[in-house]
């Protein structure tokens, strides 16, 4: 079911027998990218997948919106639009980056977090400058490259070698729901992401997951995140790249199910 408030649109299914799960998509996606997990959990959970600002039916973000703005937007979405006191959260890539900041800032809203294919800091362990990542993307978008064209190139570059053409096309379609505003926003969020001094403040049950073939945020990043969060667990999914929840949906869903059943 599609829902929309003044600012945020989201997909929602299920019944809150065991609570709510909120899914935060990657730059390479949108609310529709969580279909396998939404279908798997809707018998027992209220399942919500948002379109972050600049994606799908959500309003555009301000041109200067940063991580603090998006964390505040997410908190307002949870409290005001969804009328929830707390929830489980699952975030992929930049969605996982948002979760790191969100869980540290709003522990009262978070029952557990699952961080998929993400990093503790932009270019963790290297000296790559944020501008070397962001400037070419922003210039490409400014030149008139459409979100659909951009999505086709990005998805094919970041999935693992075992990813089928069908999954690539489904993921491209999901990401193509972005607008230039959303792609520029997520580019800035990724380029300036640094949660190294916040991970130690996260106290909720935490699962960190990565595709074994993820070259963008490799398994070493998952271990680096988990090592800084007390009690966090790591799972590496074989034969999957950066879009692990769609490349290996059964394995990811099974691991999430076990995690949610034992998170509290």
C-alpha atoms as a PDB file:
ATOM      1  CA  UNK A   1       0.000   0.000   0.000  1.00  0.00           C
ATOM      2  CA  UNK A   2       1.307   3.434  -0.964  1.00  0.00           C
ATOM      3  CA  UNK A   3       1.090   6.154   1.695  1.00  0.00           C
ATOM      4  CA  UNK A   4       2.053   9.801   1.726  1.00  0.00           C
ATOM      5  CA  UNK A   5       2.307  12.614   4.272  1.00  0.00           C
ATOM      6  CA  UNK A   6       3.150  16.223   3.557  1.00  0.00           C
ATOM      7  CA  UNK A   7       6.822  15.388   2.966  1.00  0.00           C
ATOM      8  CA  UNK A   8       7.412  11.629   2.858  1.00  0.00           C
ATOM      9  CA  UNK A   9       5.906   8.779   0.840  1.00  0.00           C
ATOM     10  CA  UNK A  10       6.218   5.158   1.841  1.00  0.00           C
ATOM     11  CA  UNK A  11       5.136   1.603   1.056  1.00  0.00           C
ATOM     12  CA  UNK A  12       3.390  -0.227   3.899  1.00  0.00           C
ATOM     13  CA  UNK A  13       2.081  -3.765   4.389  1.00  0.00           C
ATOM     14  CA  UNK A  14       1.427  -6.147   7.244  1.00  0.00           C
ATOM     15  CA  UNK A  15       0.130  -6.249  10.790  1.00  0.00           C
ATOM     16  CA  UNK A  16       2.031  -5.164  13.926  1.00  0.00           C
ATOM     17  CA  UNK A  17       1.810  -8.483  15.758  1.00  0.00           C
ATOM     18  CA  UNK A  18       5.518  -8.373  16.622  1.00  0.00           C
ATOM     19  CA  UNK A  19       6.075  -4.667  15.997  1.00  0.00           C
ATOM     20  CA  UNK A  20       7.265  -2.577  13.071  1.00  0.00           C
ATOM     21  CA  UNK A  21      10.207  -2.796  10.674  1.00  0.00           C
ATOM     22  CA  UNK A  22      11.306   0.327   8.795  1.00  0.00           C
ATOM     23  CA  UNK A  23      13.441  -0.191   5.684  1.00  0.00           C
ATOM     24  CA  UNK A  24      15.808   2.532   4.448  1.00  0.00           C
ATOM     25  CA  UNK A  25      16.938   2.153   0.850  1.00  0.00           C
ATOM     26  CA  UNK A  26      20.272   2.823  -0.814  1.00  0.00           C
ATOM     27  CA  UNK A  27      21.158   5.518  -3.317  1.00  0.00           C
ATOM     28  CA  UNK A  28      20.797   2.580  -5.716  1.00  0.00           C
ATOM     29  CA  UNK A  29      17.137   1.999  -4.920  1.00  0.00           C
ATOM     30  CA  UNK A  30      13.928   3.399  -3.464  1.00  0.00           C
ATOM     31  CA  UNK A  31      11.023   2.104  -1.376  1.00  0.00           C
ATOM     32  CA  UNK A  32      10.278  -0.594  -3.949  1.00  0.00           C
ATOM     33  CA  UNK A  33      13.721  -2.193  -3.473  1.00  0.00           C
ATOM     34  CA  UNK A  34      12.571  -4.056  -0.349  1.00  0.00           C
ATOM     35  CA  UNK A  35       9.842  -6.184  -1.965  1.00  0.00           C
ATOM     36  CA  UNK A  36      11.263  -9.607  -0.931  1.00  0.00           C
ATOM     37  CA  UNK A  37      11.674  -8.569   2.690  1.00  0.00           C
ATOM     38  CA  UNK A  38       8.302  -6.807   2.860  1.00  0.00           C
ATOM     39  CA  UNK A  39       6.622  -9.958   1.552  1.00  0.00           C
ATOM     40  CA  UNK A  40       8.500 -12.186   3.989  1.00  0.00           C
ATOM     41  CA  UNK A  41       7.749 -10.224   7.163  1.00  0.00           C
ATOM     42  CA  UNK A  42       4.269  -8.814   6.613  1.00  0.00           C
ATOM     43  CA  UNK A  43       2.459 -11.681   8.352  1.00  0.00           C
ATOM     44  CA  UNK A  44       3.884 -10.663  11.729  1.00  0.00           C
ATOM     45  CA  UNK A  45       5.285  -7.138  11.340  1.00  0.00           C
ATOM     46  CA  UNK A  46       4.097  -3.778  10.180  1.00  0.00           C
ATOM     47  CA  UNK A  47       6.555  -3.316   7.290  1.00  0.00           C
ATOM     48  CA  UNK A  48       7.374   0.210   6.125  1.00  0.00           C
ATOM     49  CA  UNK A  49       9.767   1.222   3.345  1.00  0.00           C
ATOM     50  CA  UNK A  50      10.248   4.943   2.905  1.00  0.00           C
ATOM     51  CA  UNK A  51      11.152   6.960  -0.148  1.00  0.00           C
ATOM     52  CA  UNK A  52      13.803   9.248   1.258  1.00  0.00           C
ATOM     53  CA  UNK A  53      13.600  12.919   0.195  1.00  0.00           C
ATOM     54  CA  UNK A  54      14.116  13.295  -3.548  1.00  0.00           C
ATOM     55  CA  UNK A  55      12.948   9.743  -4.310  1.00  0.00           C
ATOM     56  CA  UNK A  56       9.591   8.383  -5.469  1.00  0.00           C
ATOM     57  CA  UNK A  57       6.642  10.222  -3.987  1.00  0.00           C
ATOM     58  CA  UNK A  58       8.586  12.123  -1.317  1.00  0.00           C
ATOM     59  CA  UNK A  59       9.262  15.831  -1.551  1.00  0.00           C
ATOM     60  CA  UNK A  60      12.665  17.091  -2.632  1.00  0.00           C
ATOM     61  CA  UNK A  61      15.229  17.864   0.036  1.00  0.00           C
ATOM     62  CA  UNK A  62      16.643  21.342   0.469  1.00  0.00           C
ATOM     63  CA  UNK A  63      19.728  21.893  -1.663  1.00  0.00           C
ATOM     64  CA  UNK A  64      21.895  22.118   1.455  1.00  0.00           C
ATOM     65  CA  UNK A  65      20.323  19.182   3.329  1.00  0.00           C
ATOM     66  CA  UNK A  66      22.914  17.130   5.215  1.00  0.00           C
ATOM     67  CA  UNK A  67      22.962  14.064   7.453  1.00  0.00           C
ATOM     68  CA  UNK A  68      21.590  15.953  10.470  1.00  0.00           C
ATOM     69  CA  UNK A  69      18.609  17.109   8.404  1.00  0.00           C
ATOM     70  CA  UNK A  70      17.876  13.592   7.165  1.00  0.00           C
ATOM     71  CA  UNK A  71      18.195  12.112  10.661  1.00  0.00           C
ATOM     72  CA  UNK A  72      15.718  14.712  11.926  1.00  0.00           C
ATOM     73  CA  UNK A  73      13.424  13.968   8.970  1.00  0.00           C
ATOM     74  CA  UNK A  74      13.508  10.260   9.782  1.00  0.00           C
ATOM     75  CA  UNK A  75      12.735  10.890  13.456  1.00  0.00           C
ATOM     76  CA  UNK A  76       9.756  13.055  12.504  1.00  0.00           C
ATOM     77  CA  UNK A  77       8.597  10.410  10.030  1.00  0.00           C
ATOM     78  CA  UNK A  78       8.648   7.722  12.718  1.00  0.00           C
ATOM     79  CA  UNK A  79       6.953   9.776  15.416  1.00  0.00           C
ATOM     80  CA  UNK A  80       4.529  11.916  13.461  1.00  0.00           C
ATOM     81  CA  UNK A  81       3.708  10.142  10.193  1.00  0.00           C
ATOM     82  CA  UNK A  82       3.829   6.566  11.493  1.00  0.00           C
ATOM     83  CA  UNK A  83       2.799   7.304  15.123  1.00  0.00           C
ATOM     84  CA  UNK A  84       5.404   4.834  16.378  1.00  0.00           C
ATOM     85  CA  UNK A  85       7.278   4.939  19.667  1.00  0.00           C
ATOM     86  CA  UNK A  86      10.000   2.602  18.374  1.00  0.00           C
ATOM     87  CA  UNK A  87      10.754   0.115  15.597  1.00  0.00           C
ATOM     88  CA  UNK A  88      13.286  -2.243  14.102  1.00  0.00           C
ATOM     89  CA  UNK A  89      15.295  -0.634  11.292  1.00  0.00           C
ATOM     90  CA  UNK A  90      17.062  -2.088   8.263  1.00  0.00           C
ATOM     91  CA  UNK A  91      19.261   0.152   6.117  1.00  0.00           C
ATOM     92  CA  UNK A  92      21.187  -0.609   2.930  1.00  0.00           C
ATOM     93  CA  UNK A  93      24.299   1.360   1.895  1.00  0.00           C
ATOM     94  CA  UNK A  94      23.504   5.047   2.507  1.00  0.00           C
ATOM     95  CA  UNK A  95      20.428   3.816   4.376  1.00  0.00           C
ATOM     96  CA  UNK A  96      22.826   2.014   6.698  1.00  0.00           C
ATOM     97  CA  UNK A  97      24.881   5.176   7.059  1.00  0.00           C
ATOM     98  CA  UNK A  98      21.773   7.086   8.088  1.00  0.00           C
ATOM     99  CA  UNK A  99      20.990   4.370  10.620  1.00  0.00           C
ATOM    100  CA  UNK A 100      24.387   4.733  12.288  1.00  0.00           C
ATOM    101  CA  UNK A 101      23.755   8.407  12.988  1.00  0.00           C
ATOM    102  CA  UNK A 102      20.061   7.871  13.768  1.00  0.00           C
ATOM    103  CA  UNK A 103      20.570   5.073  16.307  1.00  0.00           C
ATOM    104  CA  UNK A 104      23.175   7.145  18.148  1.00  0.00           C
ATOM    105  CA  UNK A 105      20.986  10.264  18.193  1.00  0.00           C
ATOM    106  CA  UNK A 106      17.587   8.649  18.893  1.00  0.00           C
ATOM    107  CA  UNK A 107      18.082   5.494  20.978  1.00  0.00           C
ATOM    108  CA  UNK A 108      14.522   5.732  22.266  1.00  0.00           C
ATOM    109  CA  UNK A 109      13.128   5.141  18.764  1.00  0.00           C
ATOM    110  CA  UNK A 110      15.281   2.132  17.945  1.00  0.00           C
ATOM    111  CA  UNK A 111      14.553  -1.442  19.029  1.00  0.00           C
ATOM    112  CA  UNK A 112      17.257  -2.888  16.780  1.00  0.00           C
ATOM    113  CA  UNK A 113      19.204  -2.014  13.637  1.00  0.00           C
ATOM    114  CA  UNK A 114      20.470  -4.082  10.726  1.00  0.00           C
ATOM    115  CA  UNK A 115      23.131  -2.312   8.645  1.00  0.00           C
ATOM    116  CA  UNK A 116      23.637  -3.825   5.182  1.00  0.00           C
ATOM    117  CA  UNK A 117      26.498  -3.111   2.752  1.00  0.00           C
ATOM    118  CA  UNK A 118      27.597   0.092   4.426  1.00  0.00           C
ATOM    119  CA  UNK A 119      30.677   1.755   5.913  1.00  0.00           C
ATOM    120  CA  UNK A 120      31.631   3.539   9.141  1.00  0.00           C
ATOM    121  CA  UNK A 121      33.141   6.449   7.207  1.00  0.00           C
ATOM    122  CA  UNK A 122      33.491   7.540   3.606  1.00  0.00           C
ATOM    123  CA  UNK A 123      36.557   5.927   2.004  1.00  0.00           C
ATOM    124  CA  UNK A 124      37.301   4.136   5.270  1.00  0.00           C
ATOM    125  CA  UNK A 125      40.951   3.113   5.464  1.00  0.00           C
ATOM    126  CA  UNK A 126      42.023   5.179   2.461  1.00  0.00           C
ATOM    127  CA  UNK A 127      42.926   8.776   1.648  1.00  0.00           C
ATOM    128  CA  UNK A 128      40.319   9.266  -1.102  1.00  0.00           C
ATOM    129  CA  UNK A 129      38.890  12.784  -0.928  1.00  0.00           C
ATOM    130  CA  UNK A 130      35.092  13.225  -0.788  1.00  0.00           C
ATOM    131  CA  UNK A 131      35.252  15.585  -3.762  1.00  0.00           C
ATOM    132  CA  UNK A 132      36.771  12.892  -5.971  1.00  0.00           C
ATOM    133  CA  UNK A 133      33.616  10.835  -5.431  1.00  0.00           C
ATOM    134  CA  UNK A 134      30.990  13.574  -5.353  1.00  0.00           C
ATOM    135  CA  UNK A 135      32.145  16.047  -7.999  1.00  0.00           C
ATOM    136  CA  UNK A 136      31.966  13.701 -11.020  1.00  0.00           C
ATOM    137  CA  UNK A 137      28.515  12.464 -10.022  1.00  0.00           C
ATOM    138  CA  UNK A 138      27.143  15.954  -9.451  1.00  0.00           C
ATOM    139  CA  UNK A 139      28.661  17.144 -12.736  1.00  0.00           C
ATOM    140  CA  UNK A 140      27.136  14.169 -14.563  1.00  0.00           C
ATOM    141  CA  UNK A 141      23.701  14.910 -13.145  1.00  0.00           C
ATOM    142  CA  UNK A 142      24.059  18.623 -13.907  1.00  0.00           C
ATOM    143  CA  UNK A 143      24.934  17.809 -17.509  1.00  0.00           C
ATOM    144  CA  UNK A 144      21.505  16.315 -18.112  1.00  0.00           C
ATOM    145  CA  UNK A 145      22.040  12.627 -17.411  1.00  0.00           C
ATOM    146  CA  UNK A 146      18.652  11.278 -16.374  1.00  0.00           C
ATOM    147  CA  UNK A 147      18.116   9.225 -13.215  1.00  0.00           C
ATOM    148  CA  UNK A 148      17.254   6.224 -15.404  1.00  0.00           C
ATOM    149  CA  UNK A 149      20.513   6.534 -17.338  1.00  0.00           C
ATOM    150  CA  UNK A 150      22.491   7.071 -14.173  1.00  0.00           C
ATOM    151  CA  UNK A 151      20.795   4.101 -12.500  1.00  0.00           C
ATOM    152  CA  UNK A 152      21.607   1.747 -15.361  1.00  0.00           C
ATOM    153  CA  UNK A 153      25.308   2.538 -15.135  1.00  0.00           C
ATOM    154  CA  UNK A 154      25.514   2.439 -11.359  1.00  0.00           C
ATOM    155  CA  UNK A 155      23.601  -0.805 -10.770  1.00  0.00           C
ATOM    156  CA  UNK A 156      25.595  -2.731 -13.355  1.00  0.00           C
ATOM    157  CA  UNK A 157      28.817  -1.528 -11.726  1.00  0.00           C
ATOM    158  CA  UNK A 158      28.032  -2.433  -8.111  1.00  0.00           C
ATOM    159  CA  UNK A 159      26.222  -5.775  -8.150  1.00  0.00           C
ATOM    160  CA  UNK A 160      28.176  -8.996  -7.811  1.00  0.00           C
ATOM    161  CA  UNK A 161      29.179 -11.264 -10.708  1.00  0.00           C
ATOM    162  CA  UNK A 162      26.444 -13.771  -9.795  1.00  0.00           C
ATOM    163  CA  UNK A 163      23.636 -11.210 -10.104  1.00  0.00           C
ATOM    164  CA  UNK A 164      21.035 -12.110 -12.739  1.00  0.00           C
ATOM    165  CA  UNK A 165      19.891  -9.732 -15.460  1.00  0.00           C
ATOM    166  CA  UNK A 166      16.364  -9.836 -14.035  1.00  0.00           C
ATOM    167  CA  UNK A 167      17.543  -8.574 -10.651  1.00  0.00           C
ATOM    168  CA  UNK A 168      19.649  -5.883 -12.322  1.00  0.00           C
ATOM    169  CA  UNK A 169      16.656  -4.631 -14.297  1.00  0.00           C
ATOM    170  CA  UNK A 170      14.374  -4.664 -11.221  1.00  0.00           C
ATOM    171  CA  UNK A 171      16.974  -2.715  -9.240  1.00  0.00           C
ATOM    172  CA  UNK A 172      17.502  -0.222 -12.059  1.00  0.00           C
ATOM    173  CA  UNK A 173      13.734   0.357 -12.150  1.00  0.00           C
ATOM    174  CA  UNK A 174      13.656   0.949  -8.400  1.00  0.00           C
ATOM    175  CA  UNK A 175      16.548   3.402  -8.499  1.00  0.00           C
ATOM    176  CA  UNK A 176      15.009   5.157 -11.512  1.00  0.00           C
ATOM    177  CA  UNK A 177      12.270   6.416  -9.184  1.00  0.00           C
ATOM    178  CA  UNK A 178      14.862   8.879  -7.897  1.00  0.00           C
ATOM    179  CA  UNK A 179      15.026  12.456  -9.072  1.00  0.00           C
ATOM    180  CA  UNK A 180      18.194  14.468  -9.558  1.00  0.00           C
ATOM    181  CA  UNK A 181      17.545  16.075  -6.171  1.00  0.00           C
ATOM    182  CA  UNK A 182      17.590  12.691  -4.422  1.00  0.00           C
ATOM    183  CA  UNK A 183      20.685  11.465  -6.231  1.00  0.00           C
ATOM    184  CA  UNK A 184      22.515  14.687  -5.367  1.00  0.00           C
ATOM    185  CA  UNK A 185      21.387  14.378  -1.734  1.00  0.00           C
ATOM    186  CA  UNK A 186      22.603  10.811  -1.364  1.00  0.00           C
ATOM    187  CA  UNK A 187      25.880  11.703  -3.076  1.00  0.00           C
ATOM    188  CA  UNK A 188      26.496  14.382  -0.439  1.00  0.00           C
ATOM    189  CA  UNK A 189      25.471  12.083   2.402  1.00  0.00           C
ATOM    190  CA  UNK A 190      27.888   9.373   1.272  1.00  0.00           C
ATOM    191  CA  UNK A 191      30.766  11.758   0.608  1.00  0.00           C
ATOM    192  CA  UNK A 192      30.547  13.388   4.050  1.00  0.00           C
ATOM    193  CA  UNK A 193      29.601  10.329   6.086  1.00  0.00           C
ATOM    194  CA  UNK A 194      31.672   9.747   9.222  1.00  0.00           C
ATOM    195  CA  UNK A 195      30.138   7.856  12.147  1.00  0.00           C
ATOM    196  CA  UNK A 196      33.362   6.657  13.757  1.00  0.00           C
ATOM    197  CA  UNK A 197      32.812   8.780  16.864  1.00  0.00           C
ATOM    198  CA  UNK A 198      29.135   7.791  17.130  1.00  0.00           C
ATOM    199  CA  UNK A 199      29.147   4.015  16.780  1.00  0.00           C
ATOM    200  CA  UNK A 200      30.139   3.552  20.411  1.00  0.00           C
ATOM    201  CA  UNK A 201      26.959   5.370  21.451  1.00  0.00           C
ATOM    202  CA  UNK A 202      24.727   2.751  19.809  1.00  0.00           C
ATOM    203  CA  UNK A 203      23.270   0.478  22.479  1.00  0.00           C
ATOM    204  CA  UNK A 204      20.502  -1.418  20.665  1.00  0.00           C
ATOM    205  CA  UNK A 205      20.900  -4.959  19.246  1.00  0.00           C
ATOM    206  CA  UNK A 206      22.815  -4.597  15.989  1.00  0.00           C
ATOM    207  CA  UNK A 207      23.395  -6.824  12.969  1.00  0.00           C
ATOM    208  CA  UNK A 208      25.896  -5.820  10.288  1.00  0.00           C
ATOM    209  CA  UNK A 209      25.695  -7.641   6.971  1.00  0.00           C
ATOM    210  CA  UNK A 210      27.609  -7.477   3.683  1.00  0.00           C
ATOM    211  CA  UNK A 211      27.785  -9.319   0.406  1.00  0.00           C
ATOM    212  CA  UNK A 212      30.990 -11.315   0.064  1.00  0.00           C
ATOM    213  CA  UNK A 213      31.471  -9.848  -3.431  1.00  0.00           C
ATOM    214  CA  UNK A 214      30.724  -6.245  -2.456  1.00  0.00           C
ATOM    215  CA  UNK A 215      33.592  -4.145  -3.818  1.00  0.00           C
ATOM    216  CA  UNK A 216      31.989  -0.823  -2.795  1.00  0.00           C
ATOM    217  CA  UNK A 217      31.671  -1.497   0.940  1.00  0.00           C
ATOM    218  CA  UNK A 218      33.568  -4.780   1.413  1.00  0.00           C
ATOM    219  CA  UNK A 219      33.126  -7.219   4.289  1.00  0.00           C
ATOM    220  CA  UNK A 220      36.011  -5.550   6.133  1.00  0.00           C
ATOM    221  CA  UNK A 221      33.786  -2.475   6.507  1.00  0.00           C
ATOM    222  CA  UNK A 222      31.075  -4.586   8.140  1.00  0.00           C
ATOM    223  CA  UNK A 223      33.580  -5.907  10.656  1.00  0.00           C
ATOM    224  CA  UNK A 224      34.845  -2.368  11.299  1.00  0.00           C
ATOM    225  CA  UNK A 225      31.325  -1.149  12.098  1.00  0.00           C
ATOM    226  CA  UNK A 226      30.507  -4.107  14.327  1.00  0.00           C
ATOM    227  CA  UNK A 227      33.769  -3.859  16.243  1.00  0.00           C
ATOM    228  CA  UNK A 228      32.738  -0.401  17.457  1.00  0.00           C
ATOM    229  CA  UNK A 229      29.220  -1.354  18.619  1.00  0.00           C
ATOM    230  CA  UNK A 230      28.924  -3.423  21.782  1.00  0.00           C
ATOM    231  CA  UNK A 231      27.432  -6.849  21.098  1.00  0.00           C
ATOM    232  CA  UNK A 232      27.033  -6.355  17.346  1.00  0.00           C
ATOM    233  CA  UNK A 233      26.992  -9.400  15.064  1.00  0.00           C
ATOM    234  CA  UNK A 234      28.390  -9.732  11.531  1.00  0.00           C
ATOM    235  CA  UNK A 235      27.063 -11.904   8.709  1.00  0.00           C
ATOM    236  CA  UNK A 236      28.704 -12.136   5.283  1.00  0.00           C
ATOM    237  CA  UNK A 237      26.437 -13.353   2.486  1.00  0.00           C
ATOM    238  CA  UNK A 238      28.092 -15.469  -0.256  1.00  0.00           C
ATOM    239  CA  UNK A 239      27.683 -14.693  -3.969  1.00  0.00           C
ATOM    240  CA  UNK A 240      26.274 -11.199  -3.452  1.00  0.00           C
ATOM    241  CA  UNK A 241      27.525  -7.699  -4.167  1.00  0.00           C
ATOM    242  CA  UNK A 242      26.436  -4.274  -2.956  1.00  0.00           C
ATOM    243  CA  UNK A 243      22.665  -4.821  -3.248  1.00  0.00           C
ATOM    244  CA  UNK A 244      22.692  -7.833  -0.968  1.00  0.00           C
ATOM    245  CA  UNK A 245      18.986  -7.854  -0.092  1.00  0.00           C
ATOM    246  CA  UNK A 246      18.006  -8.341  -3.750  1.00  0.00           C
ATOM    247  CA  UNK A 247      20.994 -10.357  -4.926  1.00  0.00           C
ATOM    248  CA  UNK A 248      20.540 -12.941  -2.148  1.00  0.00           C
ATOM    249  CA  UNK A 249      17.028 -12.273  -0.788  1.00  0.00           C
ATOM    250  CA  UNK A 250      16.451 -15.675   0.812  1.00  0.00           C
ATOM    251  CA  UNK A 251      19.729 -15.649   2.754  1.00  0.00           C
ATOM    252  CA  UNK A 252      19.271 -12.049   3.880  1.00  0.00           C
ATOM    253  CA  UNK A 253      15.656 -12.570   4.919  1.00  0.00           C
ATOM    254  CA  UNK A 254      16.487 -15.725   6.880  1.00  0.00           C
ATOM    255  CA  UNK A 255      19.275 -13.928   8.756  1.00  0.00           C
ATOM    256  CA  UNK A 256      17.036 -10.955   9.495  1.00  0.00           C
ATOM    257  CA  UNK A 257      14.291 -13.266  10.745  1.00  0.00           C
ATOM    258  CA  UNK A 258      16.655 -14.909  13.222  1.00  0.00           C
ATOM    259  CA  UNK A 259      17.962 -11.520  14.294  1.00  0.00           C
ATOM    260  CA  UNK A 260      14.521 -10.042  14.920  1.00  0.00           C
ATOM    261  CA  UNK A 261      13.414 -13.159  16.809  1.00  0.00           C
ATOM    262  CA  UNK A 262      16.392 -12.822  19.149  1.00  0.00           C
ATOM    263  CA  UNK A 263      16.968  -9.042  19.174  1.00  0.00           C
ATOM    264  CA  UNK A 264      15.151  -8.297  22.399  1.00  0.00           C
END
